[in-house]
Amino acid sequence: MLREGSKLAKPEPEFDVTVISRDEVTTFPKIAQPVIIVQVTYVGAGLPPATVFIEKDKYTPEFERRTIREDIQRRLKTKPESFRV
């Protein structure tokens, strides 16, 4: 039973996603300190392909899914710009 004023938590939105590739790239944000990044390129939610970047030491399948979901939500909020050339 819900108390007055309480709210039910909204379920996280779900999107069908296809991962096109996962690639590891070594970057050097500081000289002589390599950081391995996992680049995950995906397509889903009727959007063009996109890539998210995750540090390898933070990478887990769950973190990848959360990062992709957040990226899709951010992209769906943006309005495309149209013009004639």
PDB file of N, CA and C in Angstrom:
ATOM      1  N   MET A   1       0.838  -1.175   0.000  1.00  0.00           N
ATOM      2  CA  MET A   1       0.000   0.000   0.000  1.00  0.00           C
ATOM      3  C   MET A   1       0.886   1.242   0.000  1.00  0.00           C
ATOM      4  N   LEU A   2       0.523   2.189  -0.854  1.00  0.00           N
ATOM      5  CA  LEU A   2       1.291   3.418  -0.946  1.00  0.00           C
ATOM      6  C   LEU A   2       0.756   4.454   0.028  1.00  0.00           C
ATOM      7  N   ARG A   3       1.664   5.157   0.627  1.00  0.00           N
ATOM      8  CA  ARG A   3       1.255   6.267   1.482  1.00  0.00           C
ATOM      9  C   ARG A   3       1.036   7.494   0.616  1.00  0.00           C
ATOM     10  N   GLU A   4       0.219   8.384   1.107  1.00  0.00           N
ATOM     11  CA  GLU A   4      -0.050   9.599   0.368  1.00  0.00           C
ATOM     12  C   GLU A   4       1.251  10.369   0.174  1.00  0.00           C
ATOM     13  N   GLY A   5       1.467  10.822  -1.040  1.00  0.00           N
ATOM     14  CA  GLY A   5       2.670  11.591  -1.333  1.00  0.00           C
ATOM     15  C   GLY A   5       3.848  10.736  -1.769  1.00  0.00           C
ATOM     16  N   SER A   6       3.759   9.415  -1.646  1.00  0.00           N
ATOM     17  CA  SER A   6       4.874   8.584  -2.083  1.00  0.00           C
ATOM     18  C   SER A   6       4.763   8.356  -3.586  1.00  0.00           C
ATOM     19  N   LYS A   7       5.900   8.095  -4.203  1.00  0.00           N
ATOM     20  CA  LYS A   7       5.937   7.903  -5.649  1.00  0.00           C
ATOM     21  C   LYS A   7       6.535   6.533  -5.956  1.00  0.00           C
ATOM     22  N   LEU A   8       6.007   5.912  -6.982  1.00  0.00           N
ATOM     23  CA  LEU A   8       6.606   4.678  -7.462  1.00  0.00           C
ATOM     24  C   LEU A   8       7.798   5.030  -8.333  1.00  0.00           C
ATOM     25  N   ALA A   9       8.841   4.254  -8.228  1.00  0.00           N
ATOM     26  CA  ALA A   9      10.007   4.495  -9.065  1.00  0.00           C
ATOM     27  C   ALA A   9       9.676   4.099 -10.501  1.00  0.00           C
ATOM     28  N   LYS A  10      10.045   4.965 -11.441  1.00  0.00           N
ATOM     29  CA  LYS A  10       9.818   4.659 -12.845  1.00  0.00           C
ATOM     30  C   LYS A  10      10.872   3.655 -13.295  1.00  0.00           C
ATOM     31  N   PRO A  11      10.469   2.654 -14.075  1.00  0.00           N
ATOM     32  CA  PRO A  11      11.462   1.702 -14.557  1.00  0.00           C
ATOM     33  C   PRO A  11      12.406   2.376 -15.561  1.00  0.00           C
ATOM     34  N   GLU A  12      13.629   1.898 -15.596  1.00  0.00           N
ATOM     35  CA  GLU A  12      14.605   2.413 -16.557  1.00  0.00           C
ATOM     36  C   GLU A  12      14.105   2.105 -17.966  1.00  0.00           C
ATOM     37  N   PRO A  13      14.242   3.052 -18.891  1.00  0.00           N
ATOM     38  CA  PRO A  13      13.848   2.757 -20.268  1.00  0.00           C
ATOM     39  C   PRO A  13      14.762   1.683 -20.848  1.00  0.00           C
ATOM     40  N   GLU A  14      14.221   0.888 -21.750  1.00  0.00           N
ATOM     41  CA  GLU A  14      15.008  -0.161 -22.396  1.00  0.00           C
ATOM     42  C   GLU A  14      15.065   0.112 -23.883  1.00  0.00           C
ATOM     43  N   PHE A  15      16.210  -0.173 -24.485  1.00  0.00           N
ATOM     44  CA  PHE A  15      16.426   0.030 -25.906  1.00  0.00           C
ATOM     45  C   PHE A  15      17.074  -1.221 -26.486  1.00  0.00           C
ATOM     46  N   ASP A  16      16.679  -1.582 -27.704  1.00  0.00           N
ATOM     47  CA  ASP A  16      17.347  -2.672 -28.403  1.00  0.00           C
ATOM     48  C   ASP A  16      18.614  -2.105 -29.023  1.00  0.00           C
ATOM     49  N   VAL A  17      19.744  -2.733 -28.728  1.00  0.00           N
ATOM     50  CA  VAL A  17      21.042  -2.224 -29.158  1.00  0.00           C
ATOM     51  C   VAL A  17      21.839  -3.359 -29.792  1.00  0.00           C
ATOM     52  N   THR A  18      22.550  -3.039 -30.862  1.00  0.00           N
ATOM     53  CA  THR A  18      23.503  -3.966 -31.470  1.00  0.00           C
ATOM     54  C   THR A  18      24.886  -3.352 -31.334  1.00  0.00           C
ATOM     55  N   VAL A  19      25.811  -4.080 -30.700  1.00  0.00           N
ATOM     56  CA  VAL A  19      27.190  -3.614 -30.594  1.00  0.00           C
ATOM     57  C   VAL A  19      27.899  -4.014 -31.884  1.00  0.00           C
ATOM     58  N   ILE A  20      28.406  -3.022 -32.583  1.00  0.00           N
ATOM     59  CA  ILE A  20      29.087  -3.247 -33.849  1.00  0.00           C
ATOM     60  C   ILE A  20      30.539  -3.648 -33.607  1.00  0.00           C
ATOM     61  N   SER A  21      31.178  -2.995 -32.635  1.00  0.00           N
ATOM     62  CA  SER A  21      32.575  -3.340 -32.345  1.00  0.00           C
ATOM     63  C   SER A  21      32.967  -2.872 -30.957  1.00  0.00           C
ATOM     64  N   ARG A  22      33.965  -3.575 -30.417  1.00  0.00           N
ATOM     65  CA  ARG A  22      34.633  -3.175 -29.174  1.00  0.00           C
ATOM     66  C   ARG A  22      36.122  -3.190 -29.479  1.00  0.00           C
ATOM     67  N   ASP A  23      36.757  -2.062 -29.314  1.00  0.00           N
ATOM     68  CA  ASP A  23      38.182  -1.948 -29.615  1.00  0.00           C
ATOM     69  C   ASP A  23      38.905  -1.310 -28.452  1.00  0.00           C
ATOM     70  N   GLU A  24      40.112  -1.784 -28.196  1.00  0.00           N
ATOM     71  CA  GLU A  24      40.956  -1.181 -27.167  1.00  0.00           C
ATOM     72  C   GLU A  24      41.949  -0.240 -27.826  1.00  0.00           C
ATOM     73  N   VAL A  25      42.049   0.956 -27.250  1.00  0.00           N
ATOM     74  CA  VAL A  25      42.957   1.972 -27.761  1.00  0.00           C
ATOM     75  C   VAL A  25      43.770   2.496 -26.597  1.00  0.00           C
ATOM     76  N   THR A  26      45.056   2.641 -26.804  1.00  0.00           N
ATOM     77  CA  THR A  26      45.921   3.201 -25.769  1.00  0.00           C
ATOM     78  C   THR A  26      46.027   4.705 -25.976  1.00  0.00           C
ATOM     79  N   THR A  27      45.707   5.457 -24.935  1.00  0.00           N
ATOM     80  CA  THR A  27      45.825   6.907 -24.978  1.00  0.00           C
ATOM     81  C   THR A  27      46.855   7.349 -23.946  1.00  0.00           C
ATOM     82  N   PHE A  28      47.301   8.573 -24.085  1.00  0.00           N
ATOM     83  CA  PHE A  28      48.287   9.129 -23.155  1.00  0.00           C
ATOM     84  C   PHE A  28      47.799  10.482 -22.671  1.00  0.00           C
ATOM     85  N   PRO A  29      46.841  10.506 -21.728  1.00  0.00           N
ATOM     86  CA  PRO A  29      46.379  11.797 -21.218  1.00  0.00           C
ATOM     87  C   PRO A  29      47.479  12.565 -20.484  1.00  0.00           C
ATOM     88  N   LYS A  30      48.450  11.839 -19.937  1.00  0.00           N
ATOM     89  CA  LYS A  30      49.634  12.450 -19.324  1.00  0.00           C
ATOM     90  C   LYS A  30      50.842  11.743 -19.928  1.00  0.00           C
ATOM     91  N   ILE A  31      51.900  12.463 -20.098  1.00  0.00           N
ATOM     92  CA  ILE A  31      53.108  11.905 -20.697  1.00  0.00           C
ATOM     93  C   ILE A  31      53.571  10.694 -19.901  1.00  0.00           C
ATOM     94  N   ALA A  32      53.861   9.620 -20.613  1.00  0.00           N
ATOM     95  CA  ALA A  32      54.378   8.365 -20.053  1.00  0.00           C
ATOM     96  C   ALA A  32      53.397   7.663 -19.122  1.00  0.00           C
ATOM     97  N   GLN A  33      52.105   8.004 -19.206  1.00  0.00           N
ATOM     98  CA  GLN A  33      51.088   7.322 -18.405  1.00  0.00           C
ATOM     99  C   GLN A  33      49.981   6.815 -19.334  1.00  0.00           C
ATOM    100  N   PRO A  34      50.190   5.637 -19.918  1.00  0.00           N
ATOM    101  CA  PRO A  34      49.182   5.131 -20.849  1.00  0.00           C
ATOM    102  C   PRO A  34      47.887   4.725 -20.136  1.00  0.00           C
ATOM    103  N   VAL A  35      46.788   4.976 -20.807  1.00  0.00           N
ATOM    104  CA  VAL A  35      45.475   4.563 -20.325  1.00  0.00           C
ATOM    105  C   VAL A  35      44.805   3.814 -21.468  1.00  0.00           C
ATOM    106  N   ILE A  36      44.341   2.605 -21.186  1.00  0.00           N
ATOM    107  CA  ILE A  36      43.662   1.821 -22.212  1.00  0.00           C
ATOM    108  C   ILE A  36      42.169   2.139 -22.143  1.00  0.00           C
ATOM    109  N   ILE A  37      41.625   2.495 -23.292  1.00  0.00           N
ATOM    110  CA  ILE A  37      40.214   2.841 -23.430  1.00  0.00           C
ATOM    111  C   ILE A  37      39.536   1.770 -24.270  1.00  0.00           C
ATOM    112  N   VAL A  38      38.340   1.350 -23.856  1.00  0.00           N
ATOM    113  CA  VAL A  38      37.531   0.448 -24.663  1.00  0.00           C
ATOM    114  C   VAL A  38      36.532   1.326 -25.410  1.00  0.00           C
ATOM    115  N   GLN A  39      36.619   1.297 -26.740  1.00  0.00           N
ATOM    116  CA  GLN A  39      35.682   2.026 -27.587  1.00  0.00           C
ATOM    117  C   GLN A  39      34.588   1.059 -27.980  1.00  0.00           C
ATOM    118  N   VAL A  40      33.341   1.372 -27.639  1.00  0.00           N
ATOM    119  CA  VAL A  40      32.215   0.504 -27.962  1.00  0.00           C
ATOM    120  C   VAL A  40      31.332   1.247 -28.960  1.00  0.00           C
ATOM    121  N   THR A  41      31.265   0.726 -30.181  1.00  0.00           N
ATOM    122  CA  THR A  41      30.420   1.321 -31.211  1.00  0.00           C
ATOM    123  C   THR A  41      29.149   0.507 -31.287  1.00  0.00           C
ATOM    124  N   TYR A  42      28.024   1.220 -31.233  1.00  0.00           N
ATOM    125  CA  TYR A  42      26.726   0.546 -31.189  1.00  0.00           C
ATOM    126  C   TYR A  42      25.736   1.280 -32.082  1.00  0.00           C
ATOM    127  N   VAL A  43      24.624   0.605 -32.367  1.00  0.00           N
ATOM    128  CA  VAL A  43      23.510   1.212 -33.071  1.00  0.00           C
ATOM    129  C   VAL A  43      22.241   0.758 -32.361  1.00  0.00           C
ATOM    130  N   GLY A  44      21.263   1.663 -32.254  1.00  0.00           N
ATOM    131  CA  GLY A  44      20.018   1.304 -31.593  1.00  0.00           C
ATOM    132  C   GLY A  44      19.090   2.484 -31.460  1.00  0.00           C
ATOM    133  N   ALA A  45      17.860   2.222 -31.070  1.00  0.00           N
ATOM    134  CA  ALA A  45      16.829   3.229 -30.797  1.00  0.00           C
ATOM    135  C   ALA A  45      16.551   4.118 -32.006  1.00  0.00           C
ATOM    136  N   GLY A  46      16.765   3.580 -33.222  1.00  0.00           N
ATOM    137  CA  GLY A  46      16.494   4.360 -34.420  1.00  0.00           C
ATOM    138  C   GLY A  46      17.484   5.482 -34.661  1.00  0.00           C
ATOM    139  N   LEU A  47      18.608   5.440 -33.992  1.00  0.00           N
ATOM    140  CA  LEU A  47      19.629   6.472 -34.113  1.00  0.00           C
ATOM    141  C   LEU A  47      20.788   5.956 -34.962  1.00  0.00           C
ATOM    142  N   PRO A  48      21.572   6.849 -35.566  1.00  0.00           N
ATOM    143  CA  PRO A  48      22.760   6.399 -36.285  1.00  0.00           C
ATOM    144  C   PRO A  48      23.785   5.818 -35.313  1.00  0.00           C
ATOM    145  N   PRO A  49      24.750   5.069 -35.812  1.00  0.00           N
ATOM    146  CA  PRO A  49      25.772   4.488 -34.926  1.00  0.00           C
ATOM    147  C   PRO A  49      26.483   5.554 -34.099  1.00  0.00           C
ATOM    148  N   ALA A  50      26.905   5.135 -32.907  1.00  0.00           N
ATOM    149  CA  ALA A  50      27.643   6.022 -32.007  1.00  0.00           C
ATOM    150  C   ALA A  50      28.682   5.196 -31.266  1.00  0.00           C
ATOM    151  N   THR A  51      29.638   5.884 -30.688  1.00  0.00           N
ATOM    152  CA  THR A  51      30.700   5.235 -29.927  1.00  0.00           C
ATOM    153  C   THR A  51      30.770   5.841 -28.539  1.00  0.00           C
ATOM    154  N   VAL A  52      30.874   4.967 -27.529  1.00  0.00           N
ATOM    155  CA  VAL A  52      31.119   5.402 -26.158  1.00  0.00           C
ATOM    156  C   VAL A  52      32.515   4.943 -25.769  1.00  0.00           C
ATOM    157  N   PHE A  53      33.132   5.662 -24.854  1.00  0.00           N
ATOM    158  CA  PHE A  53      34.510   5.404 -24.452  1.00  0.00           C
ATOM    159  C   PHE A  53      34.546   5.099 -22.958  1.00  0.00           C
ATOM    160  N   ILE A  54      35.120   3.946 -22.608  1.00  0.00           N
ATOM    161  CA  ILE A  54      35.164   3.496 -21.217  1.00  0.00           C
ATOM    162  C   ILE A  54      36.597   3.096 -20.877  1.00  0.00           C
ATOM    163  N   GLU A  55      37.121   3.609 -19.763  1.00  0.00           N
ATOM    164  CA  GLU A  55      38.453   3.187 -19.343  1.00  0.00           C
ATOM    165  C   GLU A  55      38.421   1.691 -19.040  1.00  0.00           C
ATOM    166  N   LYS A  56      39.441   0.982 -19.504  1.00  0.00           N
ATOM    167  CA  LYS A  56      39.443  -0.478 -19.374  1.00  0.00           C
ATOM    168  C   LYS A  56      39.342  -0.924 -17.922  1.00  0.00           C
ATOM    169  N   ASP A  57      39.977  -0.211 -16.998  1.00  0.00           N
ATOM    170  CA  ASP A  57      39.922  -0.632 -15.598  1.00  0.00           C
ATOM    171  C   ASP A  57      38.540  -0.426 -14.981  1.00  0.00           C
ATOM    172  N   LYS A  58      37.664   0.343 -15.639  1.00  0.00           N
ATOM    173  CA  LYS A  58      36.289   0.537 -15.163  1.00  0.00           C
ATOM    174  C   LYS A  58      35.283  -0.304 -15.950  1.00  0.00           C
ATOM    175  N   TYR A  59      35.768  -0.975 -17.007  1.00  0.00           N
ATOM    176  CA  TYR A  59      34.863  -1.685 -17.916  1.00  0.00           C
ATOM    177  C   TYR A  59      34.282  -2.955 -17.279  1.00  0.00           C
ATOM    178  N   THR A  60      32.966  -3.054 -17.328  1.00  0.00           N
ATOM    179  CA  THR A  60      32.233  -4.284 -17.039  1.00  0.00           C
ATOM    180  C   THR A  60      31.060  -4.291 -18.008  1.00  0.00           C
ATOM    181  N   PRO A  61      30.478  -5.461 -18.291  1.00  0.00           N
ATOM    182  CA  PRO A  61      29.300  -5.483 -19.162  1.00  0.00           C
ATOM    183  C   PRO A  61      28.162  -4.602 -18.627  1.00  0.00           C
ATOM    184  N   GLU A  62      27.978  -4.582 -17.313  1.00  0.00           N
ATOM    185  CA  GLU A  62      26.920  -3.762 -16.728  1.00  0.00           C
ATOM    186  C   GLU A  62      27.215  -2.268 -16.916  1.00  0.00           C
ATOM    187  N   PHE A  63      28.476  -1.874 -16.724  1.00  0.00           N
ATOM    188  CA  PHE A  63      28.853  -0.471 -16.906  1.00  0.00           C
ATOM    189  C   PHE A  63      28.697  -0.067 -18.368  1.00  0.00           C
ATOM    190  N   GLU A  64      29.044  -0.972 -19.287  1.00  0.00           N
ATOM    191  CA  GLU A  64      28.868  -0.710 -20.718  1.00  0.00           C
ATOM    192  C   GLU A  64      27.394  -0.457 -21.032  1.00  0.00           C
ATOM    193  N   ARG A  65      26.509  -1.309 -20.539  1.00  0.00           N
ATOM    194  CA  ARG A  65      25.073  -1.147 -20.791  1.00  0.00           C
ATOM    195  C   ARG A  65      24.551   0.169 -20.217  1.00  0.00           C
ATOM    196  N   ARG A  66      24.965   0.496 -19.010  1.00  0.00           N
ATOM    197  CA  ARG A  66      24.521   1.752 -18.387  1.00  0.00           C
ATOM    198  C   ARG A  66      25.034   2.953 -19.190  1.00  0.00           C
ATOM    199  N   THR A  67      26.282   2.897 -19.637  1.00  0.00           N
ATOM    200  CA  THR A  67      26.864   3.993 -20.410  1.00  0.00           C
ATOM    201  C   THR A  67      26.135   4.159 -21.744  1.00  0.00           C
ATOM    202  N   ILE A  68      25.829   3.048 -22.406  1.00  0.00           N
ATOM    203  CA  ILE A  68      25.089   3.117 -23.670  1.00  0.00           C
ATOM    204  C   ILE A  68      23.685   3.669 -23.437  1.00  0.00           C
ATOM    205  N   ARG A  69      22.986   3.200 -22.397  1.00  0.00           N
ATOM    206  CA  ARG A  69      21.640   3.693 -22.096  1.00  0.00           C
ATOM    207  C   ARG A  69      21.664   5.205 -21.863  1.00  0.00           C
ATOM    208  N   GLU A  70      22.615   5.684 -21.074  1.00  0.00           N
ATOM    209  CA  GLU A  70      22.726   7.120 -20.806  1.00  0.00           C
ATOM    210  C   GLU A  70      23.025   7.898 -22.083  1.00  0.00           C
ATOM    211  N   ASP A  71      23.876   7.330 -22.946  1.00  0.00           N
ATOM    212  CA  ASP A  71      24.209   7.983 -24.208  1.00  0.00           C
ATOM    213  C   ASP A  71      22.979   8.074 -25.103  1.00  0.00           C
ATOM    214  N   ILE A  72      22.204   7.005 -25.190  1.00  0.00           N
ATOM    215  CA  ILE A  72      20.979   7.024 -26.000  1.00  0.00           C
ATOM    216  C   ILE A  72      20.003   8.057 -25.451  1.00  0.00           C
ATOM    217  N   GLN A  73      19.799   8.083 -24.143  1.00  0.00           N
ATOM    218  CA  GLN A  73      18.876   9.054 -23.549  1.00  0.00           C
ATOM    219  C   GLN A  73      19.315  10.486 -23.852  1.00  0.00           C
ATOM    220  N   ARG A  74      20.607  10.745 -23.762  1.00  0.00           N
ATOM    221  CA  ARG A  74      21.138  12.080 -24.070  1.00  0.00           C
ATOM    222  C   ARG A  74      20.902  12.412 -25.540  1.00  0.00           C
ATOM    223  N   ARG A  75      21.161  11.454 -26.427  1.00  0.00           N
ATOM    224  CA  ARG A  75      21.005  11.700 -27.863  1.00  0.00           C
ATOM    225  C   ARG A  75      19.546  11.895 -28.252  1.00  0.00           C
ATOM    226  N   LEU A  76      18.637  11.191 -27.602  1.00  0.00           N
ATOM    227  CA  LEU A  76      17.216  11.333 -27.926  1.00  0.00           C
ATOM    228  C   LEU A  76      16.668  12.706 -27.514  1.00  0.00           C
ATOM    229  N   LYS A  77      17.315  13.347 -26.539  1.00  0.00           N
ATOM    230  CA  LYS A  77      16.872  14.672 -26.092  1.00  0.00           C
ATOM    231  C   LYS A  77      17.328  15.790 -27.027  1.00  0.00           C
ATOM    232  N   THR A  78      18.350  15.548 -27.821  1.00  0.00           N
ATOM    233  CA  THR A  78      18.858  16.594 -28.704  1.00  0.00           C
ATOM    234  C   THR A  78      17.990  16.695 -29.952  1.00  0.00           C
ATOM    235  N   LYS A  79      17.856  17.902 -30.455  1.00  0.00           N
ATOM    236  CA  LYS A  79      17.081  18.114 -31.671  1.00  0.00           C
ATOM    237  C   LYS A  79      18.048  18.256 -32.840  1.00  0.00           C
ATOM    238  N   PRO A  80      17.793  17.508 -33.904  1.00  0.00           N
ATOM    239  CA  PRO A  80      18.671  17.662 -35.076  1.00  0.00           C
ATOM    240  C   PRO A  80      18.456  19.030 -35.727  1.00  0.00           C
ATOM    241  N   GLU A  81      19.486  19.527 -36.353  1.00  0.00           N
ATOM    242  CA  GLU A  81      19.402  20.808 -37.045  1.00  0.00           C
ATOM    243  C   GLU A  81      19.235  20.538 -38.536  1.00  0.00           C
ATOM    244  N   SER A  82      18.238  21.139 -39.118  1.00  0.00           N
ATOM    245  CA  SER A  82      17.983  20.975 -40.553  1.00  0.00           C
ATOM    246  C   SER A  82      18.070  22.325 -41.241  1.00  0.00           C
ATOM    247  N   PHE A  83      18.653  22.322 -42.428  1.00  0.00           N
ATOM    248  CA  PHE A  83      18.729  23.551 -43.210  1.00  0.00           C
ATOM    249  C   PHE A  83      18.974  23.185 -44.668  1.00  0.00           C
ATOM    250  N   ARG A  84      18.756  24.136 -45.559  1.00  0.00           N
ATOM    251  CA  ARG A  84      18.935  23.930 -46.997  1.00  0.00           C
ATOM    252  C   ARG A  84      20.250  24.575 -47.435  1.00  0.00           C
ATOM    253  N   VAL A  85      20.992  23.885 -48.269  1.00  0.00           N
ATOM    254  CA  VAL A  85      22.250  24.458 -48.783  1.00  0.00           C
ATOM    255  C   VAL A  85      22.206  24.518 -50.289  1.00  0.00           C
TER     256      VAL A  85
END
